C-alpha atoms as a PDB file:
ATOM      1  CA  MET A   1     -40.465  15.827 -41.335  1.00  0.00           C
ATOM      2  CA  SER A   2     -43.015  16.163 -38.867  1.00  0.00           C
ATOM      3  CA  ARG A   3     -43.130  17.335 -35.570  1.00  0.00           C
ATOM      4  CA  GLY A   4     -40.120  16.027 -33.341  1.00  0.00           C
ATOM      5  CA  GLY A   5     -37.878  15.323 -36.014  1.00  0.00           C
ATOM      6  CA  ILE A   6     -39.450  12.264 -36.869  1.00  0.00           C
ATOM      7  CA  ALA A   7     -39.387  11.499 -40.320  1.00  0.00           C
ATOM      8  CA  ARG A   8     -42.749   9.880 -42.004  1.00  0.00           C
ATOM      9  CA  PRO A   9     -42.830   7.982 -44.586  1.00  0.00           C
ATOM     10  CA  THR A  10     -44.140   8.986 -47.995  1.00  0.00           C
ATOM     11  CA  ALA A  11     -46.435   7.141 -50.135  1.00  0.00           C
ATOM     12  CA  GLN A  12     -44.761   4.267 -51.395  1.00  0.00           C
ATOM     13  CA  PRO A  13     -45.429   3.830 -55.785  1.00  0.00           C
ATOM     14  CA  HIS A  14     -45.989   0.660 -57.105  1.00  0.00           C
ATOM     15  CA  ALA A  15     -46.353  -0.582 -61.121  1.00  0.00           C
ATOM     16  CA  THR A  16     -49.356  -2.162 -62.639  1.00  0.00           C
ATOM     17  CA  ARG A  17     -50.051  -3.451 -66.084  1.00  0.00           C
ATOM     18  CA  ARG A  18     -53.276  -2.501 -67.388  1.00  0.00           C
ATOM     19  CA  GLY A  19     -53.878  -4.059 -70.968  1.00  0.00           C
ATOM     20  CA  THR A  20     -50.474  -2.856 -72.389  1.00  0.00           C
ATOM     21  CA  MET A  21     -49.948   0.421 -70.364  1.00  0.00           C
ATOM     22  CA  THR A  22     -47.722   0.340 -67.176  1.00  0.00           C
ATOM     23  CA  VAL A  23     -49.741   2.153 -64.379  1.00  0.00           C
ATOM     24  CA  THR A  24     -47.987   3.314 -61.648  1.00  0.00           C
ATOM     25  CA  GLU A  25     -50.115   3.580 -58.109  1.00  0.00           C
ATOM     26  CA  THR A  26     -49.632   5.612 -54.873  1.00  0.00           C
ATOM     27  CA  VAL A  27     -49.805   2.997 -51.944  1.00  0.00           C
ATOM     28  CA  LYS A  28     -51.521   5.783 -49.074  1.00  0.00           C
ATOM     29  CA  GLY A  29     -52.582   5.067 -45.242  1.00  0.00           C
ATOM     30  CA  PRO A  30     -51.135   2.635 -43.035  1.00  0.00           C
ATOM     31  CA  ALA A  31     -50.224   0.293 -45.818  1.00  0.00           C
ATOM     32  CA  SER A  32     -47.504   3.108 -46.686  1.00  0.00           C
ATOM     33  CA  TYR A  33     -45.373   1.871 -43.707  1.00  0.00           C
ATOM     34  CA  PHE A  34     -45.464  -1.862 -44.633  1.00  0.00           C
ATOM     35  CA  PRO A  35     -42.330  -1.798 -46.170  1.00  0.00           C
ATOM     36  CA  SER A  36     -40.623  -0.156 -43.595  1.00  0.00           C
ATOM     37  CA  ILE A  37     -42.209  -1.851 -40.873  1.00  0.00           C
ATOM     38  CA  GLU A  38     -41.281  -5.346 -42.338  1.00  0.00           C
ATOM     39  CA  LYS A  39     -37.531  -4.384 -42.850  1.00  0.00           C
ATOM     40  CA  LYS A  40     -37.011  -2.911 -39.325  1.00  0.00           C
ATOM     41  CA  TYR A  41     -38.675  -6.050 -37.289  1.00  0.00           C
ATOM     42  CA  GLY A  42     -37.824  -8.629 -39.921  1.00  0.00           C
ATOM     43  CA  ARG A  43     -41.273 -10.199 -39.764  1.00  0.00           C
ATOM     44  CA  SER A  44     -43.946  -9.844 -43.031  1.00  0.00           C
ATOM     45  CA  ILE A  45     -47.059  -8.275 -43.173  1.00  0.00           C
ATOM     46  CA  GLU A  46     -49.054 -11.467 -42.840  1.00  0.00           C
ATOM     47  CA  GLU A  47     -46.997 -13.029 -39.791  1.00  0.00           C
ATOM     48  CA  TRP A  48     -47.781  -9.704 -37.767  1.00  0.00           C
ATOM     49  CA  ARG A  49     -51.643  -9.712 -38.887  1.00  0.00           C
ATOM     50  CA  SER A  50     -51.390 -13.170 -38.072  1.00  0.00           C
ATOM     51  CA  ILE A  51     -50.119 -12.136 -34.223  1.00  0.00           C
ATOM     52  CA  ILE A  52     -52.584  -9.505 -33.911  1.00  0.00           C
ATOM     53  CA  ARG A  53     -55.378 -11.845 -34.612  1.00  0.00           C
ATOM     54  CA  SER A  54     -54.007 -14.683 -32.589  1.00  0.00           C
ATOM     55  CA  SER A  55     -53.248 -12.283 -29.539  1.00  0.00           C
ATOM     56  CA  GLY A  56     -57.686 -12.395 -28.627  1.00  0.00           C
ATOM     57  CA  MET A  57     -57.346  -8.870 -27.968  1.00  0.00           C
ATOM     58  CA  HIS A  58     -60.133  -6.411 -29.852  1.00  0.00           C
ATOM     59  CA  THR A  59     -59.591  -2.945 -29.377  1.00  0.00           C
ATOM     60  CA  TRP A  60     -57.134  -0.448 -30.481  1.00  0.00           C
ATOM     61  CA  LYS A  61     -55.729   0.258 -26.791  1.00  0.00           C
ATOM     62  CA  GLU A  62     -54.829  -3.654 -25.961  1.00  0.00           C
ATOM     63  CA  LEU A  63     -53.362  -4.103 -29.740  1.00  0.00           C
ATOM     64  CA  MET A  64     -50.919  -0.853 -29.439  1.00  0.00           C
ATOM     65  CA  ALA A  65     -49.521  -1.882 -25.907  1.00  0.00           C
ATOM     66  CA  LEU A  66     -48.852  -5.518 -27.177  1.00  0.00           C
ATOM     67  CA  LEU A  67     -46.849  -4.474 -30.014  1.00  0.00           C
ATOM     68  CA  LYS A  68     -45.181  -1.591 -28.632  1.00  0.00           C
ATOM     69  CA  THR A  69     -44.600  -3.455 -24.994  1.00  0.00           C
ATOM     70  CA  GLU A  70     -44.092  -7.071 -26.364  1.00  0.00           C
ATOM     71  CA  TYR A  71     -42.587  -6.628 -29.620  1.00  0.00           C
ATOM     72  CA  GLY A  72     -40.350  -2.512 -29.218  1.00  0.00           C
ATOM     73  CA  MET A  73     -42.730  -1.305 -32.161  1.00  0.00           C
ATOM     74  CA  GLY A  74     -42.754   2.378 -32.700  1.00  0.00           C
ATOM     75  CA  HIS A  75     -45.850   3.735 -32.419  1.00  0.00           C
ATOM     76  CA  ALA A  76     -46.704   4.634 -36.028  1.00  0.00           C
ATOM     77  CA  HIS A  77     -45.831   1.148 -37.252  1.00  0.00           C
ATOM     78  CA  ALA A  78     -47.607  -0.055 -34.114  1.00  0.00           C
ATOM     79  CA  ASN A  79     -50.517   2.205 -35.386  1.00  0.00           C
ATOM     80  CA  ALA A  80     -50.446   1.139 -39.179  1.00  0.00           C
ATOM     81  CA  LEU A  81     -50.713  -2.508 -37.982  1.00  0.00           C
ATOM     82  CA  VAL A  82     -53.503  -1.836 -35.592  1.00  0.00           C
ATOM     83  CA  LEU A  83     -55.813   0.402 -38.129  1.00  0.00           C
ATOM     84  CA  ASP A  84     -54.734  -2.205 -41.260  1.00  0.00           C
ATOM     85  CA  SER A  85     -56.204  -4.857 -38.941  1.00  0.00           C
ATOM     86  CA  LEU A  86     -59.258  -3.406 -37.400  1.00  0.00           C
ATOM     87  CA  ARG A  87     -60.449  -2.347 -40.973  1.00  0.00           C
ATOM     88  CA  ASN A  88     -59.778  -5.716 -42.393  1.00  0.00           C
ATOM     89  CA  GLY A  89     -61.037  -7.939 -39.831  1.00  0.00           C
END
């Protein structure tokens, strides 16, 4: 738990196959929030990316306000989506 009693998600492991070995990789950064965003808000990450792209907004501040006010998203979830979108165009 972090300040204020808000739980932060931990990195999400997933398995991949490399040759005959299965290697478990850990998802870090904004993408670690994606499973909980999809579950809580009922839209896929690709749908959220589409909403962000079609908004016509380009700054972190504008996009955060959009997700928080129009979609009722919490700060951490909105931040994860906005950072992902800004980094990946």
